[in-house]
Amino acid sequence: MSGRSGSSSHEDGADPRSGGSPIRQMSLWPPPRSTRHSAKRRRSLIVGVLAVVLLGTGIGTAAVWAMQRDDAATADGSSVPESYAGTWRGEMSQVDEEGDHVVDWGAEVKLEQGEERGVSEWYTLDCRGSLDLIGRTGDRLSFDYVETYDPGENCVDESELVVESGDSAGTLKAHWTAVSHDGTPMTSTGTLR
């Protein structure tokens, strides 16, 4: 039996009967990666980083622009100036489009310096509303009035209020324009103190 081919050593030098592994020179580390795609990965990484930087710069620029715009709006008069701040009361006289007298009513307007909003009450008619500053021309301020309280349905839902310096110190001229519930244009004027 000594002439059998199985008793001789294998070409790789391992004897299968001795329990040794037929695999030699096995590494525990993976083989080196191909460099064929490395440049593509680097380009993708650089493009991604540039996109993030550009997006961040754009958002930052937009935020700065918005803040500067808000500051400029306040500086150029889109808010209530100090001379108009306070609580102003007076009587308004309302006429229709033909100039016929309709009603006299008491008004109170509250404005705060630096704000873009105020409140108004037509106390003899038991109505209240909010005022939103919509424009300023010289010393003339224009507000949108939106009704917030009118249990007797005595008042209009929306109107425009324009105030400007009065003829005497400590007064404001007020000019309200609105359309009544039946579609009639109405104008109310008066002096607030």
N, C-alpha and C. Protein backbone atom coordinates (compact mmCIF):
# COMPACT_ATOMS: atom_id res chain seq x y z
N MET A 1 0.78 -1.18 0.00
CA MET A 1 0.00 0.00 0.00
C MET A 1 0.84 1.26 0.00
N SER A 2 2.00 1.08 0.08
CA SER A 2 2.87 2.24 0.06
C SER A 2 2.98 2.85 -1.30
N GLY A 3 2.53 2.19 -2.33
CA GLY A 3 2.64 2.74 -3.66
C GLY A 3 1.44 3.57 -4.07
N ARG A 4 0.56 3.84 -3.16
CA ARG A 4 -0.63 4.62 -3.54
C ARG A 4 -0.30 6.09 -3.69
N SER A 5 -1.00 6.70 -4.58
CA SER A 5 -0.72 8.10 -4.83
C SER A 5 -1.22 8.98 -3.70
N GLY A 6 -2.20 8.53 -2.93
CA GLY A 6 -2.75 9.34 -1.85
C GLY A 6 -1.79 9.45 -0.69
N SER A 7 -0.79 8.61 -0.59
CA SER A 7 0.11 8.68 0.54
C SER A 7 1.20 9.70 0.36
N SER A 8 1.37 10.17 -0.85
CA SER A 8 2.42 11.17 -1.06
C SER A 8 1.89 12.56 -0.72
N SER A 9 2.72 13.50 -0.54
CA SER A 9 2.36 14.89 -0.21
C SER A 9 1.67 15.55 -1.38
N HIS A 10 0.80 16.44 -1.06
CA HIS A 10 0.12 17.24 -2.09
C HIS A 10 1.06 18.32 -2.57
N GLU A 11 0.69 18.90 -3.69
CA GLU A 11 1.53 19.93 -4.28
C GLU A 11 1.72 21.13 -3.37
N ASP A 12 0.71 21.50 -2.58
CA ASP A 12 0.85 22.69 -1.75
C ASP A 12 1.55 22.40 -0.44
N GLY A 13 1.91 21.18 -0.24
CA GLY A 13 2.68 20.82 0.93
C GLY A 13 1.85 20.46 2.12
N ALA A 14 0.51 20.46 2.04
CA ALA A 14 -0.32 20.11 3.18
C ALA A 14 -0.74 18.67 3.07
N ASP A 15 -0.69 17.98 4.14
CA ASP A 15 -1.10 16.59 4.17
C ASP A 15 -2.52 16.54 4.66
N PRO A 16 -3.52 16.16 3.81
CA PRO A 16 -4.91 16.16 4.21
C PRO A 16 -5.16 15.26 5.40
N ARG A 17 -4.38 14.24 5.66
CA ARG A 17 -4.61 13.34 6.77
C ARG A 17 -4.14 13.95 8.09
N SER A 18 -3.29 14.93 8.03
CA SER A 18 -2.76 15.50 9.26
C SER A 18 -3.69 16.56 9.84
N GLY A 19 -4.80 16.91 9.17
CA GLY A 19 -5.76 17.88 9.67
C GLY A 19 -5.36 19.32 9.39
N GLY A 20 -4.29 19.59 8.72
CA GLY A 20 -3.86 20.94 8.38
C GLY A 20 -4.72 21.51 7.26
N SER A 21 -4.78 22.76 7.19
CA SER A 21 -5.58 23.43 6.18
C SER A 21 -4.87 23.40 4.84
N PRO A 22 -5.62 23.12 3.81
CA PRO A 22 -5.00 23.15 2.48
C PRO A 22 -4.82 24.58 1.99
N ILE A 23 -5.39 25.59 2.69
CA ILE A 23 -5.27 26.97 2.24
C ILE A 23 -4.09 27.61 2.94
N ARG A 24 -3.24 28.19 2.18
CA ARG A 24 -2.05 28.85 2.72
C ARG A 24 -2.12 30.35 2.41
N GLN A 25 -1.46 31.13 3.15
CA GLN A 25 -1.30 32.56 2.95
C GLN A 25 -2.65 33.30 2.91
N MET A 26 -3.53 32.96 3.81
CA MET A 26 -4.80 33.65 3.92
C MET A 26 -4.61 34.89 4.79
N SER A 27 -5.18 36.01 4.33
CA SER A 27 -5.03 37.27 5.07
C SER A 27 -6.32 37.59 5.80
N LEU A 28 -6.22 38.20 6.98
CA LEU A 28 -7.39 38.64 7.73
C LEU A 28 -7.87 40.01 7.27
N TRP A 29 -7.12 40.71 6.47
CA TRP A 29 -7.44 42.04 5.98
C TRP A 29 -7.99 41.96 4.57
N PRO A 30 -8.98 42.81 4.24
CA PRO A 30 -9.53 42.78 2.89
C PRO A 30 -8.48 43.25 1.88
N PRO A 31 -8.63 42.83 0.66
CA PRO A 31 -7.66 43.25 -0.37
C PRO A 31 -7.78 44.74 -0.60
N PRO A 32 -6.77 45.38 -1.10
CA PRO A 32 -6.83 46.82 -1.34
C PRO A 32 -7.92 47.15 -2.36
N ARG A 33 -8.57 48.32 -2.15
CA ARG A 33 -9.63 48.74 -3.06
C ARG A 33 -9.06 49.25 -4.36
N SER A 34 -9.90 49.18 -5.34
CA SER A 34 -9.52 49.70 -6.64
C SER A 34 -9.55 51.22 -6.58
N THR A 35 -8.63 51.85 -7.21
CA THR A 35 -8.59 53.32 -7.25
C THR A 35 -9.33 53.85 -8.47
N ARG A 36 -9.95 52.96 -9.20
CA ARG A 36 -10.63 53.35 -10.42
C ARG A 36 -11.79 54.32 -10.15
N HIS A 37 -12.51 54.21 -9.01
CA HIS A 37 -13.66 55.05 -8.72
C HIS A 37 -13.37 56.11 -7.67
N SER A 38 -12.16 56.21 -7.18
CA SER A 38 -11.84 57.18 -6.12
C SER A 38 -12.04 58.62 -6.57
N ALA A 39 -11.66 58.95 -7.78
CA ALA A 39 -11.81 60.32 -8.27
C ALA A 39 -13.29 60.70 -8.35
N LYS A 40 -14.14 59.76 -8.74
CA LYS A 40 -15.57 60.02 -8.83
C LYS A 40 -16.15 60.27 -7.43
N ARG A 41 -15.72 59.49 -6.45
CA ARG A 41 -16.19 59.69 -5.07
C ARG A 41 -15.75 61.04 -4.55
N ARG A 42 -14.51 61.42 -4.83
CA ARG A 42 -14.02 62.73 -4.38
C ARG A 42 -14.82 63.86 -5.01
N ARG A 43 -15.10 63.76 -6.31
CA ARG A 43 -15.89 64.78 -6.99
C ARG A 43 -17.29 64.87 -6.37
N SER A 44 -17.92 63.75 -6.10
CA SER A 44 -19.25 63.75 -5.48
C SER A 44 -19.22 64.40 -4.11
N LEU A 45 -18.20 64.11 -3.34
CA LEU A 45 -18.05 64.70 -2.01
C LEU A 45 -17.86 66.21 -2.12
N ILE A 46 -17.02 66.66 -3.04
CA ILE A 46 -16.77 68.10 -3.21
C ILE A 46 -18.04 68.80 -3.67
N VAL A 47 -18.78 68.21 -4.62
CA VAL A 47 -20.02 68.81 -5.09
C VAL A 47 -21.03 68.89 -3.95
N GLY A 48 -21.12 67.86 -3.13
CA GLY A 48 -22.04 67.87 -1.99
C GLY A 48 -21.69 68.95 -0.98
N VAL A 49 -20.41 69.09 -0.67
CA VAL A 49 -19.97 70.12 0.28
C VAL A 49 -20.26 71.50 -0.28
N LEU A 50 -19.97 71.73 -1.56
CA LEU A 50 -20.25 73.02 -2.18
C LEU A 50 -21.75 73.34 -2.17
N ALA A 51 -22.58 72.32 -2.42
CA ALA A 51 -24.02 72.54 -2.40
C ALA A 51 -24.49 72.97 -1.01
N VAL A 52 -23.97 72.33 0.03
CA VAL A 52 -24.34 72.68 1.40
C VAL A 52 -23.87 74.10 1.72
N VAL A 53 -22.65 74.46 1.32
CA VAL A 53 -22.12 75.80 1.59
C VAL A 53 -22.96 76.85 0.86
N LEU A 54 -23.28 76.61 -0.41
CA LEU A 54 -24.08 77.57 -1.17
C LEU A 54 -25.49 77.71 -0.60
N LEU A 55 -26.09 76.61 -0.21
CA LEU A 55 -27.42 76.66 0.39
C LEU A 55 -27.38 77.43 1.70
N GLY A 56 -26.39 77.16 2.52
CA GLY A 56 -26.25 77.87 3.79
C GLY A 56 -26.03 79.36 3.58
N THR A 57 -25.22 79.70 2.60
CA THR A 57 -24.96 81.10 2.29
C THR A 57 -26.24 81.78 1.81
N GLY A 58 -27.00 81.09 0.97
CA GLY A 58 -28.26 81.66 0.48
C GLY A 58 -29.25 81.88 1.60
N ILE A 59 -29.39 80.93 2.50
CA ILE A 59 -30.32 81.08 3.62
C ILE A 59 -29.85 82.21 4.53
N GLY A 60 -28.56 82.27 4.79
CA GLY A 60 -28.00 83.32 5.64
C GLY A 60 -28.22 84.70 5.02
N THR A 61 -28.00 84.81 3.72
CA THR A 61 -28.21 86.08 3.03
C THR A 61 -29.67 86.49 3.08
N ALA A 62 -30.57 85.54 2.88
CA ALA A 62 -32.00 85.84 2.94
C ALA A 62 -32.41 86.31 4.33
N ALA A 63 -31.87 85.67 5.37
CA ALA A 63 -32.20 86.08 6.74
C ALA A 63 -31.70 87.49 7.03
N VAL A 64 -30.48 87.79 6.61
CA VAL A 64 -29.93 89.14 6.82
C VAL A 64 -30.75 90.16 6.06
N TRP A 65 -31.12 89.85 4.82
CA TRP A 65 -31.92 90.77 4.01
C TRP A 65 -33.26 91.04 4.68
N ALA A 66 -33.91 89.98 5.21
CA ALA A 66 -35.21 90.15 5.85
C ALA A 66 -35.09 91.01 7.10
N MET A 67 -34.04 90.81 7.89
CA MET A 67 -33.86 91.62 9.10
C MET A 67 -33.58 93.07 8.73
N GLN A 68 -32.76 93.30 7.71
CA GLN A 68 -32.46 94.67 7.30
C GLN A 68 -33.71 95.34 6.75
N ARG A 69 -34.53 94.58 6.03
CA ARG A 69 -35.77 95.12 5.48
C ARG A 69 -36.71 95.53 6.60
N ASP A 70 -36.82 94.67 7.64
CA ASP A 70 -37.67 95.01 8.78
C ASP A 70 -37.16 96.26 9.48
N ASP A 71 -35.83 96.36 9.67
CA ASP A 71 -35.24 97.54 10.30
C ASP A 71 -35.49 98.79 9.46
N ALA A 72 -35.34 98.65 8.14
CA ALA A 72 -35.55 99.78 7.24
C ALA A 72 -37.01 100.20 7.25
N ALA A 73 -37.92 99.22 7.31
CA ALA A 73 -39.35 99.54 7.33
C ALA A 73 -39.68 100.34 8.58
N THR A 74 -39.11 99.95 9.72
CA THR A 74 -39.36 100.69 10.95
C THR A 74 -38.74 102.07 10.87
N ALA A 75 -37.54 102.17 10.31
CA ALA A 75 -36.85 103.46 10.22
C ALA A 75 -37.55 104.40 9.25
N ASP A 76 -38.13 103.88 8.16
CA ASP A 76 -38.76 104.77 7.18
C ASP A 76 -40.23 105.06 7.49
N GLY A 77 -40.71 104.64 8.62
CA GLY A 77 -42.03 105.06 9.04
C GLY A 77 -43.14 104.06 8.88
N SER A 78 -42.87 102.77 8.82
CA SER A 78 -43.94 101.79 8.72
C SER A 78 -44.47 101.42 10.10
N SER A 79 -44.19 102.22 11.07
CA SER A 79 -44.71 101.98 12.41
C SER A 79 -45.20 103.32 12.97
N VAL A 80 -45.93 103.22 14.06
CA VAL A 80 -46.51 104.42 14.66
C VAL A 80 -45.40 105.28 15.28
N PRO A 81 -45.30 106.55 14.86
CA PRO A 81 -44.28 107.43 15.45
C PRO A 81 -44.71 107.90 16.85
N GLU A 82 -43.75 108.41 17.58
CA GLU A 82 -43.99 108.84 18.96
C GLU A 82 -45.11 109.88 19.05
N SER A 83 -45.16 110.80 18.08
CA SER A 83 -46.16 111.88 18.13
C SER A 83 -47.60 111.37 17.97
N TYR A 84 -47.78 110.15 17.49
CA TYR A 84 -49.12 109.58 17.31
C TYR A 84 -49.45 108.55 18.39
N ALA A 85 -48.50 108.20 19.22
CA ALA A 85 -48.72 107.19 20.25
C ALA A 85 -49.62 107.74 21.34
N GLY A 86 -50.52 106.90 21.83
CA GLY A 86 -51.41 107.30 22.92
C GLY A 86 -52.84 106.88 22.66
N THR A 87 -53.73 107.35 23.51
CA THR A 87 -55.17 107.09 23.37
C THR A 87 -55.83 108.40 22.94
N TRP A 88 -56.52 108.34 21.83
CA TRP A 88 -57.14 109.52 21.23
C TRP A 88 -58.66 109.32 21.21
N ARG A 89 -59.39 110.35 21.65
CA ARG A 89 -60.86 110.27 21.67
C ARG A 89 -61.45 111.51 21.00
N GLY A 90 -62.62 111.31 20.41
CA GLY A 90 -63.30 112.44 19.80
C GLY A 90 -64.61 112.02 19.18
N GLU A 91 -65.31 113.00 18.61
CA GLU A 91 -66.59 112.72 17.97
C GLU A 91 -66.43 112.79 16.45
N MET A 92 -67.02 111.80 15.80
CA MET A 92 -66.97 111.71 14.35
C MET A 92 -68.35 112.04 13.80
N SER A 93 -68.37 112.70 12.65
CA SER A 93 -69.63 113.03 11.98
C SER A 93 -69.65 112.26 10.66
N GLN A 94 -70.68 111.43 10.49
CA GLN A 94 -70.76 110.56 9.31
C GLN A 94 -71.76 111.10 8.31
N VAL A 95 -71.35 111.08 7.02
CA VAL A 95 -72.23 111.49 5.93
C VAL A 95 -72.23 110.40 4.86
N ASP A 96 -73.31 110.36 4.07
CA ASP A 96 -73.36 109.40 2.97
C ASP A 96 -72.72 110.01 1.73
N GLU A 97 -72.83 109.33 0.59
CA GLU A 97 -72.14 109.79 -0.63
C GLU A 97 -72.71 111.10 -1.18
N GLU A 98 -73.94 111.46 -0.82
CA GLU A 98 -74.52 112.74 -1.25
C GLU A 98 -74.15 113.86 -0.28
N GLY A 99 -73.50 113.51 0.83
CA GLY A 99 -73.14 114.51 1.82
C GLY A 99 -74.19 114.72 2.89
N ASP A 100 -75.23 113.89 2.88
CA ASP A 100 -76.28 114.00 3.89
C ASP A 100 -75.82 113.39 5.21
N HIS A 101 -76.11 114.11 6.30
CA HIS A 101 -75.71 113.64 7.64
C HIS A 101 -76.43 112.34 7.98
N VAL A 102 -75.67 111.38 8.50
CA VAL A 102 -76.23 110.09 8.89
C VAL A 102 -76.26 109.95 10.40
N VAL A 103 -75.10 110.11 11.04
CA VAL A 103 -75.01 109.92 12.49
C VAL A 103 -73.72 110.53 13.02
N ASP A 104 -73.72 110.91 14.28
CA ASP A 104 -72.49 111.29 14.99
C ASP A 104 -72.17 110.17 15.96
N TRP A 105 -70.92 109.85 16.10
CA TRP A 105 -70.53 108.76 16.98
C TRP A 105 -69.18 109.04 17.61
N GLY A 106 -68.98 108.53 18.81
CA GLY A 106 -67.73 108.72 19.53
C GLY A 106 -66.73 107.64 19.17
N ALA A 107 -65.49 108.06 19.00
CA ALA A 107 -64.43 107.12 18.63
C ALA A 107 -63.26 107.23 19.59
N GLU A 108 -62.62 106.11 19.82
CA GLU A 108 -61.39 106.06 20.61
C GLU A 108 -60.38 105.21 19.84
N VAL A 109 -59.19 105.74 19.69
CA VAL A 109 -58.12 105.05 18.95
C VAL A 109 -56.91 104.94 19.87
N LYS A 110 -56.37 103.72 20.00
CA LYS A 110 -55.18 103.50 20.83
C LYS A 110 -54.04 103.04 19.93
N LEU A 111 -52.95 103.78 19.97
CA LEU A 111 -51.76 103.48 19.16
C LEU A 111 -50.53 103.47 20.05
N GLU A 112 -49.61 102.54 19.78
CA GLU A 112 -48.36 102.46 20.54
C GLU A 112 -47.19 102.76 19.62
N GLN A 113 -46.24 103.52 20.15
CA GLN A 113 -45.06 103.89 19.37
C GLN A 113 -44.31 102.64 18.91
N GLY A 114 -43.88 102.66 17.64
CA GLY A 114 -43.09 101.56 17.08
C GLY A 114 -43.90 100.35 16.65
N GLU A 115 -45.20 100.37 16.87
CA GLU A 115 -46.05 99.24 16.50
C GLU A 115 -46.67 99.46 15.13
N GLU A 116 -47.13 98.39 14.52
CA GLU A 116 -47.81 98.46 13.23
C GLU A 116 -49.31 98.21 13.38
N ARG A 117 -49.75 98.07 14.63
CA ARG A 117 -51.15 97.78 14.90
C ARG A 117 -51.67 98.67 16.02
N GLY A 118 -52.97 98.77 16.08
CA GLY A 118 -53.63 99.50 17.14
C GLY A 118 -55.03 98.95 17.31
N VAL A 119 -55.82 99.60 18.17
CA VAL A 119 -57.21 99.19 18.37
C VAL A 119 -58.09 100.43 18.32
N SER A 120 -59.35 100.19 18.01
CA SER A 120 -60.30 101.29 17.93
C SER A 120 -61.62 100.85 18.55
N GLU A 121 -62.30 101.82 19.14
CA GLU A 121 -63.63 101.55 19.69
C GLU A 121 -64.54 102.70 19.27
N TRP A 122 -65.69 102.35 18.76
CA TRP A 122 -66.72 103.33 18.46
C TRP A 122 -67.69 103.22 19.63
N TYR A 123 -67.37 103.90 20.71
CA TYR A 123 -68.05 103.63 21.98
C TYR A 123 -69.52 103.99 22.00
N THR A 124 -69.99 104.97 21.25
CA THR A 124 -71.43 105.27 21.25
C THR A 124 -72.23 104.24 20.44
N LEU A 125 -71.55 103.49 19.56
CA LEU A 125 -72.21 102.45 18.76
C LEU A 125 -71.93 101.05 19.30
N ASP A 126 -71.10 100.94 20.35
CA ASP A 126 -70.72 99.67 20.98
C ASP A 126 -70.04 98.71 19.98
N CYS A 127 -69.03 99.24 19.29
CA CYS A 127 -68.26 98.44 18.34
C CYS A 127 -66.77 98.57 18.64
N ARG A 128 -66.03 97.52 18.33
CA ARG A 128 -64.57 97.56 18.48
C ARG A 128 -63.93 96.87 17.28
N GLY A 129 -62.66 97.25 17.04
CA GLY A 129 -61.95 96.63 15.93
C GLY A 129 -60.45 96.80 16.05
N SER A 130 -59.76 96.09 15.19
CA SER A 130 -58.30 96.18 15.15
C SER A 130 -57.88 97.11 14.01
N LEU A 131 -56.73 97.75 14.20
CA LEU A 131 -56.18 98.65 13.19
C LEU A 131 -54.83 98.10 12.74
N ASP A 132 -54.64 97.99 11.44
CA ASP A 132 -53.35 97.57 10.87
C ASP A 132 -52.81 98.70 10.01
N LEU A 133 -51.62 99.16 10.33
CA LEU A 133 -51.00 100.24 9.57
C LEU A 133 -50.68 99.74 8.17
N ILE A 134 -51.21 100.44 7.16
CA ILE A 134 -50.97 100.01 5.77
C ILE A 134 -50.15 101.00 4.99
N GLY A 135 -49.93 102.20 5.52
CA GLY A 135 -49.12 103.16 4.78
C GLY A 135 -48.88 104.44 5.55
N ARG A 136 -47.84 105.13 5.12
CA ARG A 136 -47.52 106.43 5.70
C ARG A 136 -47.03 107.34 4.59
N THR A 137 -47.64 108.52 4.52
CA THR A 137 -47.22 109.54 3.57
C THR A 137 -47.04 110.82 4.37
N GLY A 138 -45.79 111.25 4.52
CA GLY A 138 -45.51 112.41 5.35
C GLY A 138 -45.95 112.15 6.77
N ASP A 139 -46.86 113.02 7.29
CA ASP A 139 -47.35 112.80 8.66
C ASP A 139 -48.74 112.14 8.65
N ARG A 140 -49.13 111.59 7.52
CA ARG A 140 -50.44 110.93 7.39
C ARG A 140 -50.26 109.41 7.49
N LEU A 141 -51.01 108.80 8.43
CA LEU A 141 -50.98 107.35 8.63
C LEU A 141 -52.30 106.75 8.16
N SER A 142 -52.23 105.65 7.44
CA SER A 142 -53.43 104.95 6.97
C SER A 142 -53.51 103.58 7.63
N PHE A 143 -54.70 103.24 8.12
CA PHE A 143 -54.94 101.97 8.80
C PHE A 143 -56.12 101.25 8.18
N ASP A 144 -56.03 99.93 8.13
CA ASP A 144 -57.19 99.09 7.83
C ASP A 144 -57.87 98.78 9.15
N TYR A 145 -59.18 98.98 9.20
CA TYR A 145 -59.97 98.65 10.38
C TYR A 145 -60.73 97.37 10.09
N VAL A 146 -60.65 96.39 11.01
CA VAL A 146 -61.43 95.16 10.91
C VAL A 146 -62.18 95.00 12.22
N GLU A 147 -63.48 94.88 12.10
CA GLU A 147 -64.35 94.77 13.28
C GLU A 147 -64.08 93.48 14.05
N THR A 148 -64.00 93.59 15.36
CA THR A 148 -63.81 92.42 16.22
C THR A 148 -64.96 92.23 17.20
N TYR A 149 -65.79 93.27 17.37
CA TYR A 149 -66.91 93.18 18.32
C TYR A 149 -68.03 94.12 17.85
N ASP A 150 -69.23 93.57 17.66
CA ASP A 150 -70.38 94.36 17.25
C ASP A 150 -71.65 93.57 17.53
N PRO A 151 -72.05 93.47 18.81
CA PRO A 151 -73.21 92.63 19.14
C PRO A 151 -74.52 93.15 18.55
N GLY A 152 -74.65 94.45 18.37
CA GLY A 152 -75.90 95.01 17.82
C GLY A 152 -75.88 95.19 16.32
N GLU A 153 -74.82 94.79 15.67
CA GLU A 153 -74.64 94.96 14.23
C GLU A 153 -74.92 96.40 13.80
N ASN A 154 -74.30 97.33 14.55
CA ASN A 154 -74.45 98.76 14.26
C ASN A 154 -73.37 99.30 13.34
N CYS A 155 -72.28 98.56 13.17
CA CYS A 155 -71.09 99.09 12.50
C CYS A 155 -70.75 98.26 11.26
N VAL A 156 -69.85 98.80 10.47
CA VAL A 156 -69.38 98.09 9.28
C VAL A 156 -68.26 97.13 9.68
N ASP A 157 -68.07 96.10 8.87
CA ASP A 157 -67.06 95.08 9.18
C ASP A 157 -65.65 95.57 8.89
N GLU A 158 -65.50 96.39 7.85
CA GLU A 158 -64.18 96.86 7.44
C GLU A 158 -64.28 98.32 7.00
N SER A 159 -63.20 99.04 7.27
CA SER A 159 -63.12 100.43 6.81
C SER A 159 -61.66 100.85 6.79
N GLU A 160 -61.43 102.08 6.39
CA GLU A 160 -60.07 102.62 6.39
C GLU A 160 -60.06 103.89 7.24
N LEU A 161 -59.06 103.99 8.09
CA LEU A 161 -58.88 105.17 8.93
C LEU A 161 -57.59 105.86 8.50
N VAL A 162 -57.69 107.18 8.28
CA VAL A 162 -56.50 107.99 8.00
C VAL A 162 -56.43 109.05 9.09
N VAL A 163 -55.25 109.14 9.74
CA VAL A 163 -55.04 110.18 10.75
C VAL A 163 -53.84 111.02 10.36
N GLU A 164 -53.90 112.30 10.74
CA GLU A 164 -52.77 113.20 10.51
C GLU A 164 -52.80 114.28 11.60
N SER A 165 -51.73 115.03 11.68
CA SER A 165 -51.65 116.09 12.70
C SER A 165 -52.83 117.03 12.58
N GLY A 166 -53.38 117.39 13.75
CA GLY A 166 -54.54 118.28 13.77
C GLY A 166 -54.14 119.74 13.64
N ASP A 167 -55.14 120.59 13.61
CA ASP A 167 -54.92 122.03 13.47
C ASP A 167 -54.29 122.64 14.72
N SER A 168 -54.52 122.02 15.88
CA SER A 168 -53.92 122.52 17.11
C SER A 168 -53.07 121.43 17.74
N ALA A 169 -52.15 121.83 18.62
CA ALA A 169 -51.25 120.88 19.26
C ALA A 169 -52.06 119.85 20.06
N GLY A 170 -51.60 118.61 20.03
CA GLY A 170 -52.25 117.55 20.79
C GLY A 170 -53.53 117.04 20.18
N THR A 171 -53.73 117.26 18.87
CA THR A 171 -54.93 116.76 18.20
C THR A 171 -54.55 116.02 16.92
N LEU A 172 -55.44 115.12 16.51
CA LEU A 172 -55.30 114.41 15.24
C LEU A 172 -56.59 114.59 14.45
N LYS A 173 -56.45 114.83 13.16
CA LYS A 173 -57.61 114.81 12.28
C LYS A 173 -57.83 113.36 11.85
N ALA A 174 -59.06 112.89 11.97
CA ALA A 174 -59.39 111.51 11.61
C ALA A 174 -60.37 111.50 10.45
N HIS A 175 -60.18 110.55 9.53
CA HIS A 175 -61.02 110.43 8.35
C HIS A 175 -61.28 108.94 8.13
N TRP A 176 -62.52 108.50 8.35
CA TRP A 176 -62.91 107.11 8.15
C TRP A 176 -63.68 107.00 6.83
N THR A 177 -63.39 105.96 6.06
CA THR A 177 -64.18 105.66 4.85
C THR A 177 -64.60 104.20 4.92
N ALA A 178 -65.86 103.95 4.53
CA ALA A 178 -66.39 102.59 4.59
C ALA A 178 -67.57 102.47 3.65
N VAL A 179 -68.02 101.25 3.48
CA VAL A 179 -69.24 100.97 2.72
C VAL A 179 -70.21 100.32 3.70
N SER A 180 -71.43 100.87 3.79
CA SER A 180 -72.42 100.35 4.73
C SER A 180 -72.89 98.96 4.31
N HIS A 181 -73.66 98.33 5.18
CA HIS A 181 -74.18 96.99 4.89
C HIS A 181 -75.05 96.97 3.63
N ASP A 182 -75.70 98.09 3.32
CA ASP A 182 -76.54 98.12 2.12
C ASP A 182 -75.79 98.62 0.89
N GLY A 183 -74.45 98.81 1.01
CA GLY A 183 -73.63 99.19 -0.14
C GLY A 183 -73.42 100.68 -0.32
N THR A 184 -73.85 101.49 0.63
CA THR A 184 -73.69 102.95 0.51
C THR A 184 -72.33 103.38 1.03
N PRO A 185 -71.55 104.10 0.21
CA PRO A 185 -70.26 104.63 0.70
C PRO A 185 -70.49 105.68 1.80
N MET A 186 -69.73 105.57 2.88
CA MET A 186 -69.86 106.47 4.00
C MET A 186 -68.50 107.09 4.32
N THR A 187 -68.55 108.36 4.77
CA THR A 187 -67.34 109.06 5.19
C THR A 187 -67.61 109.68 6.54
N SER A 188 -66.65 109.51 7.45
CA SER A 188 -66.76 110.12 8.77
C SER A 188 -65.51 110.92 9.04
N THR A 189 -65.68 112.13 9.54
CA THR A 189 -64.53 112.99 9.87
C THR A 189 -64.70 113.52 11.27
N GLY A 190 -63.54 113.84 11.88
CA GLY A 190 -63.60 114.40 13.22
C GLY A 190 -62.20 114.70 13.74
N THR A 191 -62.15 115.23 14.94
CA THR A 191 -60.88 115.56 15.59
C THR A 191 -60.75 114.70 16.84
N LEU A 192 -59.59 114.08 16.99
CA LEU A 192 -59.29 113.25 18.16
C LEU A 192 -58.29 113.97 19.04
N ARG A 193 -58.51 113.88 20.36
CA ARG A 193 -57.61 114.55 21.32
C ARG A 193 -57.00 113.52 22.26
